[in-house]
Amino acid sequence: MVNEVRESWKVSARRTCFALKVGRSLYAYKARRDDQAALKKRIKEITETRVRYGYRRVHVLLRREGWAVNPKRIYRLYKEMDLQLRNKVPKRRVKARLRDDPTVATCVNQTWAMDFVHDQLATGRKLRILTVVDTFSRFSQVINPRFSYRGEDVVQALERICSEVGYPKAIQVDQGSEFISRDLDLWAYQKDVILDFSRPGKPTDNAFIESFNGKFRVECLNLHWFMSLDDARAKMEAWRRDYNEVRPHSAIGHRTPIELMKCSGDAVSA
């Protein structure tokens, strides 16, 4: 503001400061705040290994390491980096990711997304359909309909997939009963796979699988009657292969997932 007044009236800095009741020392002050990059990096490292630590415990650890910082600065950086603790996950969720991670997948098998879709046979009997997709290549690993699912059924399906295409580093899921089961948590712990849970009531946290399921419903489920479970499996598998091998995807340059995986040199198992 002082500079604006000076430019408009062409007066000295001294007279301008006097007219606006602003101290000349304040006008000449230059911020001396040092770069926070090193401190931010260390805070990030601590919260990645101690996932339930709030900013106060982080501050204690930093002071022990010799950082001359007060808790107010740690709190400001903690919020700026969006490290606030989210809602707690159930007990024994050893391989759960508890903080938001906006990192976008850059290779195949870095992040998968998994969910259930509901439909029914022509007789009216309900179906639950497990869908899994790779968020980088958009490759659909499996579409598996069953009349019911338990945690151990999900584990069996994942183990069958992983034996063909390899294990992912993380799987994005909601907090459905099958996904928070002890069976899936134990499997993830043994295979070193992170279960990345979306927040309750926030389907956009798992946007990739929501988009995939929308296409699956419009292009397959809404176009067919399923006479039996075997009929449903055959028709859904045919659609999955078309999705992987024929259907162009605008998000990956109008290529198919198979083409993208071949270009990146990854193994292909349709």
Protein backbone atom coordinates (compact mmCIF):
# COMPACT_ATOMS: atom_id res chain seq x y z
CA MET A 1 0.00 0.00 0.00
CA VAL A 2 2.85 2.36 0.83
CA ASN A 3 4.39 1.87 -2.60
CA GLU A 4 1.04 2.52 -4.28
CA VAL A 5 0.69 5.84 -2.46
CA ARG A 6 4.24 6.79 -3.35
CA GLU A 7 3.72 6.05 -7.03
CA SER A 8 0.45 7.98 -7.19
CA TRP A 9 1.74 11.07 -5.37
CA LYS A 10 5.49 10.88 -6.21
CA VAL A 11 6.62 11.55 -2.64
CA SER A 12 9.46 10.17 -0.58
CA ALA A 13 9.20 7.02 1.49
CA ARG A 14 9.69 9.04 4.69
CA ARG A 15 6.78 11.39 4.02
CA THR A 16 4.57 8.53 2.84
CA CYS A 17 5.21 6.52 5.98
CA PHE A 18 4.53 9.60 8.11
CA ALA A 19 1.21 10.28 6.34
CA LEU A 20 0.03 6.68 6.65
CA LYS A 21 1.28 6.31 10.24
CA VAL A 22 3.54 3.41 9.21
CA GLY A 23 6.95 2.95 10.75
CA ARG A 24 9.87 3.22 8.32
CA SER A 25 11.40 0.09 9.83
CA LEU A 26 8.25 -1.83 8.91
CA TYR A 27 8.39 -0.46 5.36
CA ALA A 28 12.02 -1.51 4.95
CA TYR A 29 11.57 -4.91 6.63
CA LYS A 30 12.60 -7.97 4.60
CA ALA A 31 11.35 -11.41 5.62
CA ARG A 32 14.14 -13.63 6.95
CA ARG A 33 12.20 -16.89 7.11
CA ASP A 34 14.44 -19.69 5.93
CA ASP A 35 13.44 -22.43 3.53
CA GLN A 36 11.15 -25.00 5.16
CA ALA A 37 11.89 -27.76 2.64
CA ALA A 38 14.22 -29.75 4.92
CA LEU A 39 11.85 -29.49 7.87
CA LYS A 40 8.87 -30.52 5.74
CA LYS A 41 10.77 -33.50 4.42
CA ARG A 42 11.63 -34.67 7.94
CA ILE A 43 8.02 -34.24 9.12
CA LYS A 44 6.84 -36.29 6.15
CA GLU A 45 9.37 -39.03 6.92
CA ILE A 46 8.21 -39.24 10.54
CA THR A 47 4.49 -39.40 9.70
CA GLU A 48 5.07 -42.10 7.07
CA THR A 49 6.64 -44.43 9.64
CA ARG A 50 4.59 -43.37 12.68
CA VAL A 51 1.17 -43.15 11.12
CA ARG A 52 -0.80 -42.35 14.30
CA TYR A 53 1.43 -39.50 15.50
CA GLY A 54 -0.13 -36.05 15.69
CA TYR A 55 1.79 -32.81 15.37
CA ARG A 56 2.65 -32.67 19.10
CA ARG A 57 4.46 -36.03 19.07
CA VAL A 58 6.13 -35.07 15.80
CA HIS A 59 7.35 -31.88 17.50
CA VAL A 60 8.81 -33.85 20.41
CA LEU A 61 10.74 -36.12 18.05
CA LEU A 62 12.06 -33.14 16.09
CA ARG A 63 13.27 -31.40 19.27
CA ARG A 64 15.05 -34.61 20.27
CA GLU A 65 16.83 -34.54 16.92
CA GLY A 66 18.00 -30.97 17.50
CA TRP A 67 15.48 -28.97 15.44
CA ALA A 68 14.97 -25.54 17.04
CA VAL A 69 11.26 -25.26 16.25
CA ASN A 70 8.18 -24.53 18.30
CA PRO A 71 4.91 -26.49 18.16
CA LYS A 72 3.10 -23.66 16.35
CA ARG A 73 5.37 -23.97 13.34
CA ILE A 74 5.00 -27.76 13.31
CA TYR A 75 1.22 -27.40 13.50
CA ARG A 76 1.20 -24.92 10.59
CA LEU A 77 3.36 -27.16 8.38
CA TYR A 78 1.43 -30.26 9.49
CA LYS A 79 -1.83 -28.72 8.25
CA GLU A 80 -0.22 -27.24 5.14
CA MET A 81 0.96 -30.73 4.15
CA ASP A 82 -2.50 -32.17 4.90
CA LEU A 83 -1.19 -34.69 7.42
CA GLN A 84 -4.05 -34.42 9.92
CA LEU A 85 -5.08 -37.80 11.26
CA ARG A 86 -8.16 -39.16 9.53
CA ASN A 87 -10.86 -41.38 10.99
CA LYS A 88 -9.49 -44.47 12.66
CA VAL A 89 -9.68 -47.80 10.93
CA PRO A 90 -10.71 -51.02 12.71
CA LYS A 91 -8.25 -52.85 14.94
CA ARG A 92 -5.67 -55.16 13.37
CA ARG A 93 -5.60 -53.10 10.17
CA VAL A 94 -1.85 -53.54 10.01
CA LYS A 95 -1.52 -52.86 6.28
CA ALA A 96 -3.96 -49.93 6.14
CA ARG A 97 -3.03 -46.51 4.82
CA LEU A 98 -4.34 -43.96 7.28
CA ARG A 99 -3.55 -40.71 5.51
CA ASP A 100 -4.51 -39.32 2.13
CA ASP A 101 -1.91 -40.01 -0.53
CA PRO A 102 -2.50 -38.02 -3.73
CA THR A 103 0.32 -39.81 -5.56
CA VAL A 104 -0.76 -40.83 -9.07
CA ALA A 105 0.25 -44.31 -10.23
CA THR A 106 3.14 -44.24 -12.72
CA CYS A 107 3.48 -47.92 -13.55
CA VAL A 108 1.51 -51.15 -13.77
CA ASN A 109 0.76 -52.90 -10.45
CA GLN A 110 1.52 -49.80 -8.41
CA THR A 111 -2.11 -49.25 -7.41
CA TRP A 112 -5.23 -51.33 -7.97
CA ALA A 113 -8.81 -50.35 -7.21
CA MET A 114 -11.40 -52.88 -6.03
CA ASP A 115 -15.12 -52.81 -5.30
CA PHE A 116 -18.40 -54.73 -5.60
CA VAL A 117 -21.23 -54.22 -8.11
CA HIS A 118 -24.73 -55.55 -7.48
CA ASP A 119 -27.05 -57.10 -10.08
CA GLN A 120 -29.39 -60.09 -10.40
CA LEU A 121 -30.28 -63.10 -12.50
CA ALA A 122 -33.41 -63.24 -14.64
CA THR A 123 -34.97 -65.24 -11.81
CA GLY A 124 -34.42 -62.36 -9.42
CA ARG A 125 -31.61 -63.94 -7.40
CA LYS A 126 -29.07 -61.36 -6.32
CA LEU A 127 -25.50 -61.26 -7.61
CA ARG A 128 -22.42 -59.65 -6.09
CA ILE A 129 -19.68 -58.93 -8.62
CA LEU A 130 -16.08 -58.31 -7.60
CA THR A 131 -14.31 -55.86 -9.91
CA VAL A 132 -10.59 -55.02 -9.90
CA VAL A 133 -8.79 -52.53 -12.15
CA ASP A 134 -5.23 -51.20 -12.42
CA THR A 135 -5.37 -47.41 -12.01
CA PHE A 136 -2.38 -46.79 -14.28
CA SER A 137 -3.14 -48.99 -17.31
CA ARG A 138 -6.95 -49.28 -16.75
CA PHE A 139 -6.45 -53.03 -17.18
CA SER A 140 -9.31 -55.02 -15.64
CA GLN A 141 -7.82 -58.01 -13.83
CA VAL A 142 -11.08 -59.73 -12.97
CA ILE A 143 -14.86 -59.46 -12.98
CA ASN A 144 -16.13 -62.27 -10.79
CA PRO A 145 -19.85 -62.73 -9.98
CA ARG A 146 -21.00 -64.82 -7.01
CA PHE A 147 -24.16 -65.14 -4.99
CA SER A 148 -22.31 -64.11 -1.83
CA TYR A 149 -18.83 -62.99 -0.82
CA ARG A 150 -16.81 -63.35 2.35
CA GLY A 151 -13.37 -62.03 3.13
CA GLU A 152 -11.76 -65.37 2.32
CA ASP A 153 -13.48 -65.40 -1.09
CA VAL A 154 -11.92 -62.02 -1.89
CA VAL A 155 -8.51 -63.35 -0.84
CA GLN A 156 -8.88 -66.41 -3.10
CA ALA A 157 -9.82 -64.21 -6.07
CA LEU A 158 -6.88 -61.87 -5.46
CA GLU A 159 -4.43 -64.72 -5.05
CA ARG A 160 -5.57 -66.20 -8.36
CA ILE A 161 -5.12 -62.84 -10.10
CA CYS A 162 -1.73 -62.13 -8.53
CA SER A 163 -0.37 -65.52 -9.55
CA GLU A 164 -0.88 -64.37 -13.15
CA VAL A 165 -0.03 -60.65 -13.16
CA GLY A 166 1.94 -60.09 -9.93
CA TYR A 167 1.14 -58.38 -6.64
CA PRO A 168 0.25 -54.69 -6.43
CA LYS A 169 1.86 -52.27 -4.01
CA ALA A 170 -1.52 -50.92 -2.88
CA ILE A 171 -5.22 -51.62 -3.36
CA GLN A 172 -7.83 -48.89 -3.02
CA VAL A 173 -11.01 -50.17 -1.34
CA ASP A 174 -13.99 -48.89 0.61
CA GLN A 175 -14.80 -50.00 4.15
CA GLY A 176 -17.16 -52.83 3.24
CA SER A 177 -17.27 -55.85 5.54
CA GLU A 178 -15.31 -58.07 3.11
CA PHE A 179 -12.52 -55.50 2.78
CA ILE A 180 -12.07 -54.87 6.51
CA SER A 181 -12.08 -58.60 7.25
CA ARG A 182 -9.26 -60.29 9.12
CA ASP A 183 -8.66 -62.62 6.15
CA LEU A 184 -7.89 -59.78 3.74
CA ASP A 185 -5.81 -57.90 6.29
CA LEU A 186 -3.68 -60.98 7.00
CA TRP A 187 -3.22 -61.61 3.26
CA ALA A 188 -2.16 -57.99 2.70
CA TYR A 189 0.30 -58.20 5.58
CA GLN A 190 1.87 -61.42 4.28
CA LYS A 191 2.13 -60.10 0.70
CA ASP A 192 3.25 -56.58 1.72
CA VAL A 193 0.25 -54.96 0.02
CA ILE A 194 -1.17 -51.71 1.43
CA LEU A 195 -4.95 -51.50 1.79
CA ASP A 196 -5.84 -47.89 0.97
CA PHE A 197 -9.28 -47.29 2.52
CA SER A 198 -11.56 -44.52 1.32
CA ARG A 199 -13.33 -42.39 3.91
CA PRO A 200 -16.93 -43.30 4.76
CA GLY A 201 -19.35 -41.46 2.47
CA LYS A 202 -16.55 -40.37 0.10
CA PRO A 203 -16.80 -42.51 -3.08
CA THR A 204 -14.56 -40.01 -4.87
CA ASP A 205 -11.66 -41.35 -2.78
CA ASN A 206 -11.86 -44.43 -5.03
CA ALA A 207 -12.80 -42.65 -8.25
CA PHE A 208 -11.11 -45.11 -10.62
CA ILE A 209 -13.25 -48.07 -9.64
CA GLU A 210 -16.40 -45.92 -9.55
CA SER A 211 -15.72 -44.87 -13.14
CA PHE A 212 -14.99 -48.45 -14.19
CA ASN A 213 -18.14 -49.77 -12.53
CA GLY A 214 -20.21 -47.10 -14.26
CA LYS A 215 -18.94 -48.21 -17.68
CA PHE A 216 -19.44 -51.86 -16.71
CA ARG A 217 -23.07 -51.26 -15.78
CA VAL A 218 -23.94 -49.20 -18.87
CA GLU A 219 -22.09 -51.36 -21.41
CA CYS A 220 -22.72 -54.82 -19.96
CA LEU A 221 -25.13 -55.21 -17.05
CA ASN A 222 -27.87 -53.03 -18.53
CA LEU A 223 -27.71 -54.80 -21.89
CA HIS A 224 -28.03 -58.44 -20.81
CA TRP A 225 -30.32 -60.85 -19.05
CA PHE A 226 -28.36 -63.40 -17.03
CA MET A 227 -30.04 -66.82 -17.05
CA SER A 228 -27.65 -68.48 -14.61
CA LEU A 229 -24.44 -67.83 -12.72
CA ASP A 230 -22.40 -69.51 -15.47
CA ASP A 231 -24.17 -67.39 -18.10
CA ALA A 232 -23.37 -64.25 -16.12
CA ARG A 233 -19.71 -65.23 -15.84
CA ALA A 234 -19.41 -65.90 -19.56
CA LYS A 235 -21.01 -62.60 -20.60
CA MET A 236 -19.06 -60.55 -18.07
CA GLU A 237 -15.78 -62.18 -19.05
CA ALA A 238 -16.49 -61.43 -22.72
CA TRP A 239 -17.07 -57.78 -21.84
CA ARG A 240 -13.87 -57.69 -19.72
CA ARG A 241 -11.78 -58.98 -22.62
CA ASP A 242 -13.33 -56.44 -24.97
CA TYR A 243 -12.61 -53.71 -22.40
CA ASN A 244 -8.96 -54.77 -22.16
CA GLU A 245 -8.23 -55.59 -25.79
CA VAL A 246 -10.60 -53.58 -28.03
CA ARG A 247 -12.19 -50.62 -26.28
CA PRO A 248 -10.12 -47.41 -26.72
CA HIS A 249 -9.59 -45.38 -23.54
CA SER A 250 -9.33 -41.61 -23.80
CA ALA A 251 -7.44 -41.41 -20.47
CA ILE A 252 -4.51 -43.37 -21.96
CA GLY A 253 -4.37 -41.78 -25.39
CA HIS A 254 -7.23 -43.77 -26.98
CA ARG A 255 -5.22 -46.95 -26.62
CA THR A 256 -6.33 -50.19 -25.04
CA PRO A 257 -4.90 -51.36 -21.69
CA ILE A 258 -3.15 -54.22 -23.50
CA GLU A 259 -1.47 -51.79 -25.91
CA LEU A 260 -0.32 -49.55 -23.06
CA MET A 261 1.12 -52.48 -21.15
CA LYS A 262 2.98 -53.71 -24.23
CA CYS A 263 4.43 -50.24 -24.80
CA SER A 264 5.60 -50.04 -21.19
CA GLY A 265 7.13 -53.52 -21.39
CA ASP A 266 4.91 -55.06 -18.71
CA ALA A 267 3.68 -58.63 -18.87
CA VAL A 268 0.23 -59.06 -20.32
CA SER A 269 -2.29 -61.62 -19.08
CA ALA A 270 -5.79 -61.01 -20.35
